[in-house]
Amino acid sequence: MTTLADNMLATADLLASVDFPRAGANLRRSVSTSYYALFARLAALCAERIARSKPASDSFRSVYRAIDHGHARNALLGHVEFGSPLGDNFKRLQEARHWADYSIDPHPEFDRGAAGRFTRAEAQQFVTLARETIGFVDALAPDAKQRLAVLLVARSRR
């Protein structure tokens, strides 16, 4: 069965492969869509594991929408089991997505001295990173998927 994340990755691939002058907007959309593919997969995993109901149900939708981008990043990065590679890759994709969606800089590493335009190959690297990270999530054992879902939805009361 094809998932939303699969469709988003296919779209990101397509956007990164279109060959015409001034493809910068397509490359940015490819990067953004790659991040959202990973986020959608994580949200679906949480809903599947916690709501345990059909995707059309209110409870599934509620859990799916409960994931917060900032909380997910911090929770993943601070977790021994999921910090690497999942947290690191999530952070990298999220930072690239912020550049793609909000920055006027020509390259996501412009402030680090990266020269020139963002390339098709670089966009495709982000698509690959998202695909590999989704593969990592999908390959987790059922008990690890459950722990991941709780980590992403639950808030600490420290």
N, C-alpha and C. Protein backbone atom coordinates (compact mmCIF):
# COMPACT_ATOMS: atom_id res chain seq x y z
N MET A 1 0.84 -1.18 0.00
CA MET A 1 0.00 0.00 0.00
C MET A 1 0.89 1.25 0.00
N THR A 2 0.60 2.17 -0.85
CA THR A 2 1.35 3.41 -0.94
C THR A 2 0.88 4.37 0.15
N THR A 3 1.83 4.95 0.85
CA THR A 3 1.50 5.88 1.94
C THR A 3 1.67 7.33 1.47
N LEU A 4 1.19 8.23 2.29
CA LEU A 4 1.38 9.65 2.01
C LEU A 4 2.88 9.96 1.92
N ALA A 5 3.66 9.39 2.83
CA ALA A 5 5.11 9.62 2.80
C ALA A 5 5.72 9.14 1.48
N ASP A 6 5.28 7.97 1.00
CA ASP A 6 5.76 7.46 -0.30
C ASP A 6 5.43 8.44 -1.42
N ASN A 7 4.21 8.93 -1.42
CA ASN A 7 3.78 9.88 -2.46
C ASN A 7 4.57 11.19 -2.38
N MET A 8 4.84 11.62 -1.16
CA MET A 8 5.61 12.85 -0.99
C MET A 8 7.04 12.67 -1.48
N LEU A 9 7.63 11.52 -1.20
CA LEU A 9 8.99 11.25 -1.70
C LEU A 9 9.02 11.20 -3.22
N ALA A 10 7.99 10.62 -3.82
CA ALA A 10 7.91 10.58 -5.29
C ALA A 10 7.81 12.00 -5.84
N THR A 11 7.05 12.85 -5.17
CA THR A 11 6.93 14.24 -5.58
C THR A 11 8.26 14.96 -5.43
N ALA A 12 8.95 14.73 -4.31
CA ALA A 12 10.26 15.35 -4.09
C ALA A 12 11.25 14.90 -5.16
N ASP A 13 11.22 13.61 -5.51
CA ASP A 13 12.07 13.10 -6.61
C ASP A 13 11.77 13.83 -7.91
N LEU A 14 10.50 13.95 -8.21
CA LEU A 14 10.09 14.62 -9.45
C LEU A 14 10.55 16.08 -9.47
N LEU A 15 10.33 16.78 -8.39
CA LEU A 15 10.73 18.18 -8.32
C LEU A 15 12.24 18.35 -8.47
N ALA A 16 13.01 17.42 -7.91
CA ALA A 16 14.47 17.50 -8.01
C ALA A 16 14.99 17.10 -9.38
N SER A 17 14.17 16.42 -10.16
CA SER A 17 14.65 15.92 -11.45
C SER A 17 14.26 16.80 -12.64
N VAL A 18 13.34 17.72 -12.43
CA VAL A 18 12.91 18.59 -13.53
C VAL A 18 14.09 19.44 -13.98
N ASP A 19 14.37 19.38 -15.26
CA ASP A 19 15.56 20.05 -15.80
C ASP A 19 15.16 21.23 -16.66
N PHE A 20 15.19 22.40 -16.09
CA PHE A 20 15.00 23.62 -16.87
C PHE A 20 15.67 24.77 -16.13
N PRO A 21 15.99 25.82 -16.86
CA PRO A 21 16.65 26.96 -16.22
C PRO A 21 15.80 27.51 -15.07
N ARG A 22 16.46 28.02 -14.10
CA ARG A 22 15.80 28.61 -12.94
C ARG A 22 14.93 27.61 -12.20
N ALA A 23 15.48 26.46 -11.96
CA ALA A 23 14.76 25.40 -11.26
C ALA A 23 14.85 25.53 -9.74
N GLY A 24 15.37 26.66 -9.27
CA GLY A 24 15.58 26.84 -7.84
C GLY A 24 14.34 26.63 -6.99
N ALA A 25 13.20 27.12 -7.44
CA ALA A 25 11.97 26.93 -6.66
C ALA A 25 11.60 25.45 -6.58
N ASN A 26 11.78 24.72 -7.67
CA ASN A 26 11.50 23.29 -7.64
C ASN A 26 12.43 22.56 -6.68
N LEU A 27 13.70 22.95 -6.68
CA LEU A 27 14.66 22.30 -5.78
C LEU A 27 14.31 22.59 -4.32
N ARG A 28 13.91 23.81 -4.05
CA ARG A 28 13.49 24.16 -2.69
C ARG A 28 12.26 23.36 -2.28
N ARG A 29 11.29 23.25 -3.17
CA ARG A 29 10.08 22.47 -2.87
C ARG A 29 10.43 21.00 -2.66
N SER A 30 11.41 20.50 -3.39
CA SER A 30 11.86 19.13 -3.22
C SER A 30 12.41 18.91 -1.81
N VAL A 31 13.23 19.84 -1.35
CA VAL A 31 13.81 19.75 -0.01
C VAL A 31 12.71 19.80 1.04
N SER A 32 11.81 20.76 0.91
CA SER A 32 10.72 20.90 1.86
C SER A 32 9.84 19.65 1.89
N THR A 33 9.52 19.14 0.73
CA THR A 33 8.67 17.95 0.63
C THR A 33 9.36 16.73 1.22
N SER A 34 10.67 16.65 1.10
CA SER A 34 11.43 15.54 1.69
C SER A 34 11.28 15.53 3.21
N TYR A 35 11.42 16.71 3.81
CA TYR A 35 11.23 16.80 5.26
C TYR A 35 9.81 16.40 5.64
N TYR A 36 8.84 16.93 4.93
CA TYR A 36 7.45 16.63 5.27
C TYR A 36 7.10 15.17 5.04
N ALA A 37 7.79 14.49 4.14
CA ALA A 37 7.58 13.05 3.96
C ALA A 37 7.98 12.31 5.24
N LEU A 38 9.14 12.67 5.79
CA LEU A 38 9.58 12.05 7.04
C LEU A 38 8.61 12.39 8.16
N PHE A 39 8.21 13.64 8.26
CA PHE A 39 7.30 14.05 9.32
C PHE A 39 5.97 13.31 9.20
N ALA A 40 5.46 13.18 7.98
CA ALA A 40 4.20 12.46 7.76
C ALA A 40 4.33 11.00 8.18
N ARG A 41 5.48 10.39 7.89
CA ARG A 41 5.68 8.99 8.28
C ARG A 41 5.71 8.85 9.79
N LEU A 42 6.37 9.78 10.47
CA LEU A 42 6.40 9.73 11.93
C LEU A 42 5.01 9.95 12.52
N ALA A 43 4.27 10.89 11.97
CA ALA A 43 2.91 11.15 12.45
C ALA A 43 2.02 9.93 12.25
N ALA A 44 2.15 9.28 11.10
CA ALA A 44 1.35 8.08 10.83
C ALA A 44 1.73 6.95 11.78
N LEU A 45 3.03 6.80 12.05
CA LEU A 45 3.46 5.77 12.98
C LEU A 45 2.85 6.01 14.36
N CYS A 46 2.86 7.25 14.81
CA CYS A 46 2.27 7.58 16.11
C CYS A 46 0.78 7.25 16.14
N ALA A 47 0.08 7.64 15.10
CA ALA A 47 -1.36 7.38 15.04
C ALA A 47 -1.65 5.88 14.98
N GLU A 48 -0.88 5.16 14.20
CA GLU A 48 -1.07 3.70 14.10
C GLU A 48 -0.84 3.03 15.44
N ARG A 49 0.20 3.45 16.15
CA ARG A 49 0.58 2.80 17.41
C ARG A 49 -0.27 3.24 18.59
N ILE A 50 -0.71 4.48 18.60
CA ILE A 50 -1.42 4.99 19.77
C ILE A 50 -2.94 4.95 19.58
N ALA A 51 -3.44 5.42 18.45
CA ALA A 51 -4.88 5.42 18.22
C ALA A 51 -5.39 4.02 17.92
N ARG A 52 -4.59 3.25 17.20
CA ARG A 52 -4.96 1.87 16.84
C ARG A 52 -6.35 1.79 16.22
N SER A 53 -6.62 2.72 15.33
CA SER A 53 -7.91 2.73 14.64
C SER A 53 -7.68 3.06 13.18
N LYS A 54 -8.74 3.08 12.42
CA LYS A 54 -8.63 3.34 10.98
C LYS A 54 -8.22 4.79 10.73
N PRO A 55 -7.45 5.02 9.65
CA PRO A 55 -7.00 6.38 9.35
C PRO A 55 -8.13 7.40 9.22
N ALA A 56 -9.32 6.97 8.87
CA ALA A 56 -10.43 7.91 8.71
C ALA A 56 -11.08 8.28 10.05
N SER A 57 -10.65 7.66 11.14
CA SER A 57 -11.29 7.91 12.43
C SER A 57 -10.79 9.20 13.07
N ASP A 58 -11.62 9.75 13.94
CA ASP A 58 -11.25 10.97 14.66
C ASP A 58 -10.04 10.74 15.56
N SER A 59 -9.98 9.57 16.20
CA SER A 59 -8.86 9.32 17.11
C SER A 59 -7.54 9.22 16.34
N PHE A 60 -7.56 8.60 15.17
CA PHE A 60 -6.35 8.52 14.34
C PHE A 60 -5.91 9.93 13.95
N ARG A 61 -6.87 10.72 13.47
CA ARG A 61 -6.55 12.10 13.06
C ARG A 61 -6.00 12.92 14.23
N SER A 62 -6.58 12.74 15.40
CA SER A 62 -6.14 13.51 16.57
C SER A 62 -4.69 13.20 16.93
N VAL A 63 -4.34 11.92 16.93
CA VAL A 63 -2.96 11.56 17.25
C VAL A 63 -2.03 12.00 16.13
N TYR A 64 -2.45 11.81 14.89
CA TYR A 64 -1.64 12.20 13.72
C TYR A 64 -1.28 13.69 13.81
N ARG A 65 -2.24 14.51 14.22
CA ARG A 65 -2.03 15.95 14.28
C ARG A 65 -1.36 16.41 15.58
N ALA A 66 -1.14 15.49 16.52
CA ALA A 66 -0.59 15.85 17.82
C ALA A 66 0.92 16.10 17.79
N ILE A 67 1.58 15.67 16.75
CA ILE A 67 3.03 15.81 16.69
C ILE A 67 3.40 17.27 16.43
N ASP A 68 4.31 17.78 17.24
CA ASP A 68 4.81 19.15 17.08
C ASP A 68 6.23 19.08 16.54
N HIS A 69 6.52 19.89 15.54
CA HIS A 69 7.83 19.85 14.88
C HIS A 69 8.99 20.10 15.86
N GLY A 70 8.87 21.13 16.67
CA GLY A 70 9.94 21.45 17.61
C GLY A 70 10.11 20.40 18.68
N HIS A 71 9.00 19.94 19.23
CA HIS A 71 9.06 18.89 20.25
C HIS A 71 9.67 17.62 19.67
N ALA A 72 9.27 17.26 18.46
CA ALA A 72 9.81 16.05 17.82
C ALA A 72 11.32 16.15 17.69
N ARG A 73 11.79 17.28 17.22
CA ARG A 73 13.23 17.47 17.05
C ARG A 73 13.97 17.32 18.37
N ASN A 74 13.51 18.03 19.39
CA ASN A 74 14.18 18.00 20.69
C ASN A 74 14.10 16.62 21.34
N ALA A 75 12.94 15.99 21.24
CA ALA A 75 12.77 14.66 21.83
C ALA A 75 13.68 13.65 21.16
N LEU A 76 13.76 13.70 19.84
CA LEU A 76 14.61 12.75 19.11
C LEU A 76 16.09 12.99 19.41
N LEU A 77 16.51 14.24 19.37
CA LEU A 77 17.92 14.55 19.60
C LEU A 77 18.36 14.19 21.02
N GLY A 78 17.45 14.30 21.97
CA GLY A 78 17.79 14.03 23.36
C GLY A 78 17.62 12.58 23.78
N HIS A 79 17.26 11.72 22.85
CA HIS A 79 16.97 10.33 23.19
C HIS A 79 18.11 9.41 22.79
N VAL A 80 18.55 8.58 23.70
CA VAL A 80 19.69 7.69 23.45
C VAL A 80 19.39 6.73 22.29
N GLU A 81 18.22 6.14 22.28
CA GLU A 81 17.89 5.14 21.27
C GLU A 81 17.65 5.73 19.89
N PHE A 82 17.06 6.91 19.84
CA PHE A 82 16.64 7.46 18.55
C PHE A 82 17.43 8.70 18.11
N GLY A 83 18.35 9.17 18.93
CA GLY A 83 19.10 10.38 18.59
C GLY A 83 19.90 10.25 17.31
N SER A 84 20.50 9.09 17.12
CA SER A 84 21.27 8.86 15.90
C SER A 84 20.89 7.51 15.33
N PRO A 85 20.52 7.45 14.10
CA PRO A 85 20.55 8.50 13.09
C PRO A 85 19.26 9.31 12.99
N LEU A 86 18.17 8.84 13.60
CA LEU A 86 16.87 9.48 13.37
C LEU A 86 16.86 10.95 13.78
N GLY A 87 17.28 11.26 14.99
CA GLY A 87 17.26 12.64 15.44
C GLY A 87 18.17 13.54 14.62
N ASP A 88 19.36 13.04 14.32
CA ASP A 88 20.31 13.82 13.52
C ASP A 88 19.76 14.10 12.12
N ASN A 89 19.19 13.08 11.51
CA ASN A 89 18.64 13.25 10.15
C ASN A 89 17.41 14.14 10.16
N PHE A 90 16.56 14.00 11.18
CA PHE A 90 15.39 14.86 11.32
C PHE A 90 15.83 16.32 11.40
N LYS A 91 16.82 16.58 12.25
CA LYS A 91 17.33 17.95 12.41
C LYS A 91 17.88 18.49 11.09
N ARG A 92 18.67 17.69 10.42
CA ARG A 92 19.26 18.14 9.14
C ARG A 92 18.18 18.46 8.11
N LEU A 93 17.20 17.59 8.01
CA LEU A 93 16.10 17.83 7.06
C LEU A 93 15.27 19.03 7.47
N GLN A 94 15.02 19.18 8.76
CA GLN A 94 14.22 20.31 9.23
C GLN A 94 14.93 21.64 8.97
N GLU A 95 16.22 21.68 9.22
CA GLU A 95 16.98 22.91 8.95
C GLU A 95 16.99 23.23 7.46
N ALA A 96 17.13 22.22 6.64
CA ALA A 96 17.09 22.43 5.19
C ALA A 96 15.70 22.90 4.76
N ARG A 97 14.67 22.36 5.38
CA ARG A 97 13.30 22.77 5.07
C ARG A 97 13.08 24.23 5.46
N HIS A 98 13.60 24.64 6.60
CA HIS A 98 13.47 26.05 7.00
C HIS A 98 14.13 26.95 5.96
N TRP A 99 15.32 26.57 5.49
CA TRP A 99 15.97 27.35 4.44
C TRP A 99 15.09 27.38 3.19
N ALA A 100 14.63 26.22 2.77
CA ALA A 100 13.85 26.12 1.53
C ALA A 100 12.58 26.95 1.58
N ASP A 101 11.93 26.98 2.73
CA ASP A 101 10.64 27.66 2.85
C ASP A 101 10.74 29.14 3.20
N TYR A 102 11.82 29.55 3.88
CA TYR A 102 11.83 30.90 4.43
C TYR A 102 13.00 31.78 4.04
N SER A 103 14.10 31.20 3.60
CA SER A 103 15.32 31.99 3.40
C SER A 103 15.42 32.56 1.99
N ILE A 104 16.04 33.73 1.90
CA ILE A 104 16.35 34.29 0.59
C ILE A 104 17.77 33.93 0.16
N ASP A 105 18.52 33.29 1.06
CA ASP A 105 19.89 32.88 0.72
C ASP A 105 19.87 31.85 -0.40
N PRO A 106 20.86 31.88 -1.29
CA PRO A 106 20.88 30.97 -2.44
C PRO A 106 21.24 29.53 -2.08
N HIS A 107 21.72 29.32 -0.86
CA HIS A 107 22.17 27.99 -0.46
C HIS A 107 21.92 27.82 1.03
N PRO A 108 21.54 26.62 1.49
CA PRO A 108 21.27 26.45 2.92
C PRO A 108 22.49 26.65 3.81
N GLU A 109 23.68 26.55 3.26
CA GLU A 109 24.90 26.74 4.05
C GLU A 109 25.60 28.05 3.67
N PHE A 110 24.83 29.01 3.21
CA PHE A 110 25.35 30.30 2.78
C PHE A 110 26.14 30.98 3.90
N ASP A 111 25.62 30.89 5.13
CA ASP A 111 26.30 31.53 6.27
C ASP A 111 27.60 30.83 6.64
N ARG A 112 27.84 29.64 6.11
CA ARG A 112 29.08 28.90 6.36
C ARG A 112 30.05 29.01 5.20
N GLY A 113 29.77 29.92 4.30
CA GLY A 113 30.68 30.16 3.19
C GLY A 113 30.42 29.35 1.94
N ALA A 114 29.30 28.63 1.90
CA ALA A 114 28.99 27.87 0.68
C ALA A 114 28.73 28.85 -0.45
N ALA A 115 29.40 28.62 -1.54
CA ALA A 115 29.27 29.53 -2.68
C ALA A 115 28.37 28.90 -3.73
N GLY A 116 27.76 29.76 -4.51
CA GLY A 116 26.98 29.27 -5.64
C GLY A 116 25.57 28.87 -5.30
N ARG A 117 24.92 28.38 -6.32
CA ARG A 117 23.52 27.98 -6.19
C ARG A 117 23.38 26.57 -5.62
N PHE A 118 22.24 26.34 -5.06
CA PHE A 118 21.87 25.01 -4.59
C PHE A 118 21.64 24.14 -5.83
N THR A 119 22.20 22.95 -5.83
CA THR A 119 22.17 22.12 -7.03
C THR A 119 21.13 21.01 -6.96
N ARG A 120 20.83 20.48 -8.11
CA ARG A 120 19.93 19.34 -8.24
C ARG A 120 20.45 18.16 -7.42
N ALA A 121 21.76 17.91 -7.52
CA ALA A 121 22.37 16.81 -6.78
C ALA A 121 22.20 16.99 -5.27
N GLU A 122 22.32 18.22 -4.80
CA GLU A 122 22.13 18.48 -3.37
C GLU A 122 20.68 18.23 -2.96
N ALA A 123 19.74 18.66 -3.79
CA ALA A 123 18.33 18.40 -3.50
C ALA A 123 18.07 16.90 -3.45
N GLN A 124 18.64 16.17 -4.38
CA GLN A 124 18.45 14.72 -4.41
C GLN A 124 19.07 14.05 -3.19
N GLN A 125 20.12 14.63 -2.64
CA GLN A 125 20.70 14.09 -1.40
C GLN A 125 19.71 14.19 -0.24
N PHE A 126 18.96 15.28 -0.20
CA PHE A 126 17.95 15.41 0.86
C PHE A 126 16.80 14.43 0.66
N VAL A 127 16.41 14.19 -0.58
CA VAL A 127 15.38 13.19 -0.85
C VAL A 127 15.87 11.82 -0.39
N THR A 128 17.10 11.50 -0.72
CA THR A 128 17.69 10.22 -0.32
C THR A 128 17.78 10.11 1.20
N LEU A 129 18.18 11.19 1.86
CA LEU A 129 18.27 11.19 3.32
C LEU A 129 16.90 10.91 3.93
N ALA A 130 15.87 11.57 3.43
CA ALA A 130 14.51 11.33 3.94
C ALA A 130 14.09 9.89 3.69
N ARG A 131 14.34 9.39 2.50
CA ARG A 131 13.96 8.01 2.16
C ARG A 131 14.68 7.01 3.08
N GLU A 132 15.96 7.21 3.29
CA GLU A 132 16.73 6.31 4.16
C GLU A 132 16.26 6.40 5.61
N THR A 133 15.91 7.59 6.05
CA THR A 133 15.44 7.76 7.42
C THR A 133 14.08 7.11 7.62
N ILE A 134 13.21 7.25 6.64
CA ILE A 134 11.92 6.56 6.69
C ILE A 134 12.14 5.05 6.71
N GLY A 135 13.09 4.57 5.93
CA GLY A 135 13.43 3.15 5.94
C GLY A 135 13.90 2.70 7.31
N PHE A 136 14.69 3.54 7.98
CA PHE A 136 15.14 3.23 9.34
C PHE A 136 13.95 3.09 10.28
N VAL A 137 13.02 4.04 10.19
CA VAL A 137 11.82 4.00 11.04
C VAL A 137 11.01 2.75 10.75
N ASP A 138 10.80 2.46 9.49
CA ASP A 138 9.99 1.30 9.11
C ASP A 138 10.63 -0.02 9.54
N ALA A 139 11.96 -0.05 9.64
CA ALA A 139 12.67 -1.28 10.01
C ALA A 139 12.76 -1.50 11.52
N LEU A 140 12.32 -0.53 12.31
CA LEU A 140 12.37 -0.69 13.76
C LEU A 140 11.50 -1.87 14.19
N ALA A 141 11.91 -2.50 15.26
CA ALA A 141 11.10 -3.57 15.85
C ALA A 141 9.80 -2.97 16.39
N PRO A 142 8.74 -3.76 16.49
CA PRO A 142 7.46 -3.24 16.98
C PRO A 142 7.55 -2.53 18.33
N ASP A 143 8.32 -3.06 19.27
CA ASP A 143 8.43 -2.40 20.57
C ASP A 143 9.17 -1.07 20.47
N ALA A 144 10.14 -0.97 19.58
CA ALA A 144 10.84 0.30 19.36
C ALA A 144 9.91 1.31 18.70
N LYS A 145 9.08 0.87 17.79
CA LYS A 145 8.09 1.77 17.17
C LYS A 145 7.14 2.31 18.22
N GLN A 146 6.74 1.47 19.15
CA GLN A 146 5.85 1.92 20.22
C GLN A 146 6.54 2.98 21.08
N ARG A 147 7.79 2.72 21.45
CA ARG A 147 8.54 3.70 22.25
C ARG A 147 8.71 5.02 21.49
N LEU A 148 8.97 4.92 20.20
CA LEU A 148 9.13 6.12 19.38
C LEU A 148 7.83 6.92 19.34
N ALA A 149 6.72 6.24 19.16
CA ALA A 149 5.42 6.92 19.10
C ALA A 149 5.13 7.66 20.40
N VAL A 150 5.36 7.01 21.51
CA VAL A 150 5.12 7.65 22.81
C VAL A 150 6.07 8.83 23.00
N LEU A 151 7.32 8.67 22.62
CA LEU A 151 8.30 9.76 22.73
C LEU A 151 7.83 11.00 21.97
N LEU A 152 7.31 10.80 20.77
CA LEU A 152 6.93 11.93 19.92
C LEU A 152 5.63 12.61 20.36
N VAL A 153 4.75 11.86 21.00
CA VAL A 153 3.45 12.42 21.39
C VAL A 153 3.46 12.95 22.82
N ALA A 154 4.09 12.21 23.73
CA ALA A 154 4.05 12.58 25.15
C ALA A 154 4.96 13.78 25.42
N ARG A 155 4.54 14.58 26.35
CA ARG A 155 5.33 15.74 26.79
C ARG A 155 5.83 15.48 28.19
N SER A 156 7.07 15.82 28.44
CA SER A 156 7.66 15.67 29.76
C SER A 156 7.12 16.76 30.67
N ARG A 157 6.95 16.44 31.94
CA ARG A 157 6.44 17.42 32.91
C ARG A 157 7.54 17.90 33.83
N ARG A 158 8.74 17.96 33.34
CA ARG A 158 9.89 18.38 34.16
C ARG A 158 9.77 19.79 34.60
